[in-house]
Protein backbone atom coordinates (compact mmCIF):
# COMPACT_ATOMS: atom_id res chain seq x y z
CA MET A 1 180.00 -65.18 37.25
CA ASN A 2 177.06 -62.16 36.34
CA TYR A 3 179.96 -61.44 33.65
CA TYR A 4 180.29 -64.48 31.33
CA LYS A 5 176.19 -64.43 31.75
CA ASP A 6 176.76 -60.60 29.93
CA LEU A 7 178.92 -61.66 27.73
CA GLN A 8 176.54 -64.79 26.89
CA GLY A 9 173.63 -62.29 25.72
CA ARG A 10 175.50 -59.34 24.78
CA LEU A 11 176.59 -62.10 21.48
CA LEU A 12 173.36 -63.07 21.30
CA LEU A 13 172.20 -59.54 20.64
CA SER A 14 174.45 -59.43 18.38
CA LEU A 15 173.76 -62.24 16.57
CA ALA A 16 169.64 -62.16 15.98
CA LEU A 17 170.55 -58.79 15.08
CA ALA A 18 173.01 -58.77 11.96
CA ILE A 19 171.28 -62.01 11.28
CA ILE A 20 168.20 -59.77 10.40
CA LEU A 21 169.77 -56.56 9.52
CA ASN A 22 172.27 -57.20 7.78
CA PRO A 23 170.94 -58.35 3.90
CA CYS A 24 174.52 -60.66 3.23
CA PHE A 25 173.17 -63.29 5.63
CA ALA A 26 170.10 -63.83 2.92
CA GLY A 27 172.82 -65.45 0.74
CA LEU A 28 173.64 -68.10 3.12
CA ALA A 29 173.20 -71.87 1.69
CA TRP A 30 172.43 -74.51 3.72
CA ALA A 31 174.71 -77.63 4.89
CA ASP A 32 172.38 -79.72 3.23
CA THR A 33 174.14 -80.64 -0.22
CA LEU A 34 173.41 -82.25 -3.63
CA ARG A 35 177.04 -83.81 -4.62
CA PHE A 36 177.49 -84.72 -8.55
CA TYR A 37 181.06 -85.93 -9.33
CA ALA A 38 182.92 -88.42 -11.02
CA SER A 39 186.40 -89.23 -11.92
CA ALA A 40 189.31 -91.48 -14.21
CA ALA A 41 189.22 -95.09 -13.46
CA SER A 42 191.89 -96.66 -14.98
CA GLY A 43 194.36 -93.82 -16.23
CA SER A 44 190.93 -94.07 -18.85
CA PRO A 45 190.16 -90.12 -18.59
CA LEU A 46 186.76 -89.08 -18.46
CA SER A 47 184.72 -87.26 -22.59
CA GLY A 48 184.00 -84.00 -22.45
CA SER A 49 185.37 -80.87 -23.26
CA ILE A 50 187.11 -77.66 -21.95
CA GLY A 51 188.83 -75.02 -23.70
CA PHE A 52 189.45 -71.67 -24.49
CA THR A 53 190.29 -70.00 -28.48
CA GLY A 54 192.61 -67.43 -27.17
CA THR A 55 190.49 -65.21 -29.15
CA ALA A 56 189.30 -61.52 -27.13
CA GLY A 57 185.87 -61.52 -26.22
CA ASP A 58 185.23 -65.03 -26.41
CA SER A 59 184.59 -67.39 -23.65
CA LEU A 60 185.89 -70.41 -21.85
CA LEU A 61 183.65 -73.48 -22.68
CA GLY A 62 182.56 -76.96 -21.54
CA SER A 63 180.54 -79.16 -23.24
CA GLN A 64 179.22 -82.56 -22.35
CA ILE A 65 181.42 -83.21 -19.70
CA GLN A 66 181.09 -86.89 -18.73
CA ILE A 67 178.95 -87.15 -14.77
CA ASP A 68 178.61 -90.24 -13.20
CA ARG A 69 177.22 -90.45 -9.78
CA ILE A 70 175.11 -88.23 -7.11
CA VAL A 71 175.06 -88.14 -2.94
CA GLY A 72 173.87 -86.33 -1.09
CA ILE A 73 175.59 -84.37 1.74
CA ASP A 74 173.64 -84.01 4.96
CA THR A 75 170.34 -84.30 3.42
CA PRO A 76 166.77 -84.40 5.51
CA ILE A 77 166.39 -87.56 3.66
CA ASN A 78 168.91 -90.43 2.10
CA PRO A 79 171.77 -88.58 3.52
CA GLY A 80 174.36 -90.09 1.66
CA LEU A 81 172.92 -92.22 -0.71
CA ASP A 82 175.28 -92.45 -3.79
CA ILE A 83 173.57 -93.29 -7.32
CA PRO A 84 174.50 -93.84 -10.39
CA CYS A 85 173.63 -91.05 -13.07
CA VAL A 86 172.66 -92.60 -16.78
CA GLY A 87 174.50 -90.19 -19.49
CA CYS A 88 174.88 -86.32 -17.23
CA SER A 89 176.56 -84.75 -18.14
CA LEU A 90 177.56 -80.82 -16.91
CA THR A 91 177.74 -77.75 -20.05
CA PHE A 92 179.02 -73.99 -19.42
CA ALA A 93 179.66 -71.01 -20.91
CA THR A 94 181.18 -67.95 -18.94
CA GLY A 95 180.94 -64.42 -20.12
CA PRO A 96 183.79 -63.37 -21.99
CA PHE A 97 188.18 -63.37 -22.14
CA GLU A 98 189.18 -60.84 -19.06
CA ALA A 99 192.55 -61.09 -19.27
CA ALA A 100 195.40 -63.68 -19.26
CA PHE A 101 198.51 -64.20 -16.78
CA SER A 102 201.79 -66.33 -16.42
CA ASP A 103 204.54 -66.84 -13.28
CA GLU A 104 207.59 -69.00 -13.35
CA THR A 105 205.56 -71.99 -12.70
CA SER A 106 202.03 -71.10 -14.38
CA VAL A 107 199.63 -69.79 -16.59
CA GLY A 108 195.92 -68.34 -16.32
CA TRP A 109 193.63 -66.64 -17.86
CA VAL A 110 190.52 -64.59 -16.19
CA PHE A 111 186.81 -64.92 -17.49
CA SER A 112 183.89 -62.11 -16.38
CA GLY A 113 180.90 -63.79 -14.64
CA GLY A 114 177.75 -64.10 -16.42
CA GLY A 115 177.70 -67.15 -18.24
CA LEU A 116 175.33 -70.19 -18.47
CA LEU A 117 175.35 -73.40 -17.14
CA ALA A 118 173.36 -77.02 -16.73
CA ILE A 119 173.49 -80.50 -15.81
CA ALA A 120 171.07 -82.97 -18.12
CA GLN A 121 170.77 -86.07 -17.90
CA GLY A 122 169.73 -86.81 -21.92
CA ALA A 123 166.91 -84.78 -22.20
CA VAL A 124 166.22 -84.40 -18.49
CA GLY A 125 167.59 -80.69 -17.41
CA LEU A 126 169.11 -81.60 -13.37
CA VAL A 127 170.77 -77.77 -12.61
CA ALA A 128 170.51 -75.28 -14.67
CA GLY A 129 171.88 -72.22 -13.25
CA VAL A 130 174.65 -68.65 -13.82
CA PHE A 131 177.78 -67.62 -12.92
CA ASP A 132 177.28 -64.84 -10.20
CA GLU A 133 180.89 -63.57 -9.28
CA ASP A 134 182.47 -61.40 -11.90
CA PRO A 135 185.55 -61.89 -13.06
CA LEU A 136 185.63 -65.66 -12.22
CA PRO A 137 188.30 -67.34 -10.64
CA PRO A 138 191.12 -67.72 -13.09
CA VAL A 139 191.87 -71.10 -14.67
CA THR A 140 195.01 -72.26 -13.64
CA LEU A 141 197.68 -75.07 -15.72
CA ALA A 142 200.83 -75.74 -14.15
CA GLY A 143 202.70 -77.38 -16.19
CA GLN A 144 200.27 -79.88 -17.75
CA ASP A 145 198.72 -79.79 -14.49
CA GLY A 146 195.00 -77.93 -14.95
CA PHE A 147 192.72 -76.86 -12.27
CA LEU A 148 189.06 -75.14 -12.63
CA THR A 149 187.56 -74.10 -10.04
CA PHE A 150 184.54 -71.99 -10.41
CA SER A 151 183.24 -70.94 -6.44
CA SER A 152 179.57 -68.93 -7.12
CA PHE A 153 177.05 -70.18 -9.20
CA ILE A 154 172.80 -69.50 -8.83
CA ASN A 155 171.38 -72.26 -10.19
CA LEU A 156 168.26 -74.40 -10.47
CA THR A 157 167.70 -78.17 -9.01
CA ASN A 158 165.07 -80.61 -10.93
CA ASP A 159 162.63 -80.65 -7.60
CA THR A 160 162.67 -84.85 -8.39
CA LEU A 161 166.09 -85.04 -7.50
CA ALA A 162 165.77 -82.90 -5.30
CA SER A 163 162.31 -84.40 -3.24
CA TYR A 164 164.70 -87.70 -2.89
CA TYR A 165 167.01 -86.30 -0.71
CA GLY A 166 164.40 -83.87 1.04
CA LEU A 167 165.33 -80.35 0.22
CA PRO A 168 163.19 -77.93 -1.39
CA GLY A 169 161.85 -77.43 -5.17
CA GLY A 170 160.54 -74.66 -6.49
CA THR A 171 163.55 -72.43 -5.06
CA LEU A 172 166.62 -70.77 -5.99
CA TYR A 173 170.34 -72.78 -5.07
CA GLN A 174 174.16 -72.24 -4.83
CA GLY A 175 176.50 -73.72 -6.11
CA SER A 176 180.02 -74.49 -6.48
CA PHE A 177 182.33 -76.76 -9.12
CA LEU A 178 185.97 -78.19 -9.28
CA ILE A 179 187.99 -80.02 -12.56
CA SER A 180 190.99 -81.20 -12.48
CA PHE A 181 192.24 -82.18 -15.91
CA GLN A 182 195.46 -82.07 -18.11
CA GLY A 183 196.12 -79.68 -20.40
CA MET A 184 198.22 -77.30 -23.21
CA VAL A 185 198.87 -74.64 -23.80
CA THR A 186 197.01 -72.99 -28.03
CA ASP A 187 198.98 -71.39 -30.70
CA ALA A 188 196.67 -68.84 -30.49
CA GLY A 189 197.22 -68.20 -27.15
CA GLY A 190 194.22 -70.35 -24.97
CA PHE A 191 194.01 -73.24 -23.80
CA ILE A 192 192.40 -76.97 -24.72
CA ALA A 193 191.34 -79.84 -22.32
CA ASP A 194 194.26 -82.44 -24.31
CA PRO A 195 197.73 -84.92 -22.78
CA ILE A 196 200.79 -84.72 -23.88
CA ASP A 197 200.62 -88.12 -25.43
CA HIS A 198 197.29 -87.15 -26.89
CA GLU A 199 194.82 -89.92 -26.01
CA GLY A 200 191.71 -89.45 -24.72
CA THR A 201 189.62 -86.31 -23.08
CA GLY A 202 192.98 -85.16 -20.69
CA ILE A 203 189.77 -84.45 -18.60
CA GLN A 204 190.79 -86.21 -14.47
CA SER A 205 187.53 -84.97 -12.39
CA ILE A 206 185.00 -83.56 -11.56
CA MET A 207 182.31 -82.60 -8.84
CA VAL A 208 179.76 -80.02 -8.58
CA ASP A 209 177.97 -79.23 -5.14
CA THR A 210 174.84 -77.36 -5.03
CA SER A 211 173.02 -76.46 -2.41
CA PRO A 212 169.59 -74.60 -1.15
CA ILE A 213 169.54 -71.14 -0.48
CA PRO A 214 167.05 -70.02 2.50
CA GLU A 215 164.74 -67.64 2.12
CA PRO A 216 164.63 -63.89 3.85
CA GLY A 217 161.51 -65.64 6.03
CA THR A 218 163.45 -68.03 7.38
CA ILE A 219 166.79 -66.02 7.98
CA ILE A 220 164.19 -63.68 10.49
CA LEU A 221 162.78 -66.01 12.43
CA LEU A 222 167.10 -67.55 12.41
CA GLY A 223 167.20 -63.90 14.15
CA LEU A 224 163.49 -63.79 16.35
CA GLY A 225 164.58 -67.20 18.10
CA LEU A 226 168.38 -65.83 18.55
CA LEU A 227 166.69 -62.30 20.24
CA GLY A 228 164.25 -65.12 22.59
CA LEU A 229 167.45 -66.59 24.02
CA PHE A 230 168.37 -62.88 24.76
CA GLY A 231 165.90 -61.96 26.19
CA ARG A 232 164.84 -65.81 28.45
CA SER A 233 169.40 -65.37 29.02
CA ARG A 234 168.87 -61.53 30.78
CA LEU A 235 165.49 -62.96 32.59
CA MET A 236 167.56 -65.65 34.40
CA GLY A 237 169.91 -63.35 35.09
CA ARG A 238 167.64 -61.42 37.01
CA ASN A 239 165.72 -63.91 38.88
CA GLY A 240 168.97 -65.72 39.59
């Protein structure tokens, strides 16, 4: 029994020190998430455009990609509440093109980070950020099925929207997004979101998630709390 208590204490101490001393923990995001999303209904693709010219030094561009709804996931206020986002859209530009690749089943393109993205509802900004990965995960086309998964961007989120879900304003958020589309390779070696029948844009779905990044002070308090638990477990072990 004493062995397991000692092991528990050692684990608490190790985790506490890791959180306090390791700066990597400062990048952890809360579970509280705002999700912006839309899916093509009844075979009708979403509005907007996605494409790359194929020219060295050019960026991957996404323009006015339709977003229909917002939902709070595990948020302090209004968790699970799904609200319409009329007139909302995502626009982005990555860093410059870096490389292309292909195999028997797919082709892909890699772009550098540092580009910008924004979600807006008309003239009202909801999210504004910058890609902080470098390079970005590749964009791939398997046949006509395309996937664009950018797993990290740093952003600011509209304070009024954040407060509606009980999230902090005036602080940095970290996000990711996934877009699925039907696309085709262009003669210049780039690609566009465009179905084979050329009906609509080819954009099938979009999901953008963003969560507040804990401040370093919050992380340190968490580590100090674990240190307190470690001390308490040691004291109880001695008294036992």
